[in-house]
Amino acid sequence: MSIMWQIIWAALAFVADASNASPQAPTCFDIQCADIQCLSPFKLRRLDDQCCPICWADDDEIKLDRHTALNEPSPYRTEVHPAAPTTCGGAFCFKPFCAAGYTVGHEQGRCCSVCVPGR
């Protein structure tokens, strides 16, 4: 078989294989995805609107962390610091537990209280 026919057959095989794949979003044309391996129970999955595949498992296959520690009422949750920026509305803050030599205070630009060197 000549080299020309080999090239044609290879191109036809590539087109046939590409037509079976789900189309990628137009924004994905120049994105190179990582070659990832998924550990069980996760499986490799790419939805039509995703550029790259991810490791995915259904909710009934793995335990979920729904961050219920911050549901109200919670002994761990506190309001944003009074000096917090206005962009912090709706933020969730933990009550800080400070080590010796530190006290609860505020750092400019932060939403929540933090531990600062003692005063």
Protein backbone atom coordinates (compact mmCIF):
# COMPACT_ATOMS: atom_id res chain seq x y z
CA MET A 1 0.00 0.00 0.00
CA SER A 2 1.39 3.38 -0.93
CA ILE A 3 2.18 6.04 1.66
CA MET A 4 -0.63 8.21 0.25
CA TRP A 5 -3.28 5.57 0.96
CA GLN A 6 -1.91 5.08 4.47
CA ILE A 7 -2.28 8.81 5.13
CA ILE A 8 -5.83 8.80 3.75
CA TRP A 9 -6.85 5.78 5.89
CA ALA A 10 -5.30 7.35 8.98
CA ALA A 11 -7.18 10.61 8.33
CA LEU A 12 -10.48 8.76 7.84
CA ALA A 13 -9.95 6.81 11.06
CA PHE A 14 -9.21 10.05 12.91
CA VAL A 15 -12.39 11.71 11.58
CA ALA A 16 -14.51 8.66 12.46
CA ASP A 17 -13.10 8.57 15.98
CA ALA A 18 -13.58 12.34 16.45
CA SER A 19 -17.20 12.14 15.29
CA ASN A 20 -17.98 9.70 18.13
CA ALA A 21 -16.66 12.05 20.82
CA SER A 22 -18.93 14.64 22.39
CA PRO A 23 -18.16 18.14 21.12
CA GLN A 24 -16.16 20.49 23.30
CA ALA A 25 -17.18 24.06 24.07
CA PRO A 26 -15.71 26.58 21.57
CA THR A 27 -13.62 28.17 24.32
CA CYS A 28 -11.70 24.89 24.72
CA PHE A 29 -9.93 24.98 21.38
CA ASP A 30 -6.50 25.97 22.76
CA ILE A 31 -6.64 24.34 26.20
CA GLN A 32 -4.41 21.36 26.86
CA CYS A 33 -5.90 19.09 29.52
CA ALA A 34 -3.87 17.20 32.09
CA ASP A 35 -3.57 13.45 31.76
CA ILE A 36 -5.30 12.44 35.00
CA GLN A 37 -5.91 9.06 36.61
CA CYS A 38 -8.92 8.56 38.90
CA LEU A 39 -8.86 6.40 42.01
CA SER A 40 -11.91 4.30 42.81
CA PRO A 41 -14.77 5.10 43.30
CA PHE A 42 -14.05 8.13 41.11
CA LYS A 43 -14.38 7.79 37.34
CA LEU A 44 -13.10 10.01 34.56
CA ARG A 45 -15.93 12.20 33.24
CA ARG A 46 -16.22 15.19 30.90
CA LEU A 47 -19.55 16.86 30.32
CA ASP A 48 -20.29 18.60 27.03
CA ASP A 49 -19.76 22.07 28.54
CA GLN A 50 -16.42 21.17 30.16
CA CYS A 51 -13.06 21.56 28.49
CA CYS A 52 -11.23 18.92 30.47
CA PRO A 53 -12.28 15.70 32.18
CA ILE A 54 -12.53 15.47 35.96
CA CYS A 55 -12.65 12.64 38.47
CA TRP A 56 -16.27 12.22 39.53
CA ALA A 57 -18.30 10.00 41.83
CA ASP A 58 -22.02 10.13 42.51
CA ASP A 59 -23.24 11.31 45.92
CA ASP A 60 -24.29 7.81 46.93
CA GLU A 61 -20.77 6.46 46.30
CA ILE A 62 -18.83 8.77 48.63
CA LYS A 63 -19.52 10.61 51.88
CA LEU A 64 -20.11 14.31 51.42
CA ASP A 65 -18.93 17.21 53.50
CA ARG A 66 -21.83 19.66 53.37
CA HIS A 67 -20.18 22.07 55.85
CA THR A 68 -23.00 21.61 58.33
CA ALA A 69 -20.78 22.97 61.14
CA LEU A 70 -21.74 26.46 59.96
CA ASN A 71 -25.50 25.90 59.91
CA GLU A 72 -27.28 28.05 62.44
CA PRO A 73 -27.28 27.91 65.37
CA SER A 74 -23.60 27.01 65.57
CA PRO A 75 -21.13 27.49 68.39
CA TYR A 76 -18.36 27.82 65.77
CA ARG A 77 -19.84 30.56 63.62
CA THR A 78 -19.57 34.29 64.22
CA GLU A 79 -20.48 37.44 62.31
CA VAL A 80 -18.05 39.31 60.08
CA HIS A 81 -15.81 41.76 61.94
CA PRO A 82 -17.34 45.27 62.37
CA ALA A 83 -14.36 46.78 60.50
CA ALA A 84 -14.71 44.35 57.58
CA PRO A 85 -15.04 45.75 54.05
CA THR A 86 -18.56 46.16 52.69
CA THR A 87 -17.83 43.39 50.17
CA CYS A 88 -17.92 40.83 53.01
CA GLY A 89 -21.71 40.72 53.23
CA GLY A 90 -22.87 37.11 53.53
CA ALA A 91 -19.43 35.77 54.50
CA PHE A 92 -19.24 32.90 57.02
CA CYS A 93 -16.68 33.29 59.78
CA PHE A 94 -15.36 30.90 62.40
CA LYS A 95 -14.70 32.08 65.95
CA PRO A 96 -10.91 32.21 66.20
CA PHE A 97 -9.18 30.28 68.96
CA CYS A 98 -5.89 32.06 69.58
CA ALA A 99 -2.65 30.60 70.90
CA ALA A 100 -0.85 32.11 73.88
CA GLY A 101 0.44 35.59 73.09
CA TYR A 102 -2.30 36.28 70.53
CA THR A 103 -5.74 37.85 70.87
CA VAL A 104 -8.77 38.13 68.64
CA GLY A 105 -8.45 41.19 66.43
CA HIS A 106 -8.77 42.41 62.87
CA GLU A 107 -6.46 42.81 59.89
CA GLN A 108 -7.33 45.42 57.30
CA GLY A 109 -9.14 43.97 54.30
CA ARG A 110 -10.19 40.75 56.05
CA CYS A 111 -13.83 39.79 56.55
CA CYS A 112 -13.43 37.79 59.73
CA SER A 113 -11.70 38.25 63.04
CA VAL A 114 -8.20 36.80 63.18
CA CYS A 115 -5.57 36.11 65.83
CA VAL A 116 -3.15 39.01 66.13
CA PRO A 117 -0.10 39.40 68.38
CA GLY A 118 -1.29 40.20 71.93
CA ARG A 119 -2.16 43.71 72.97
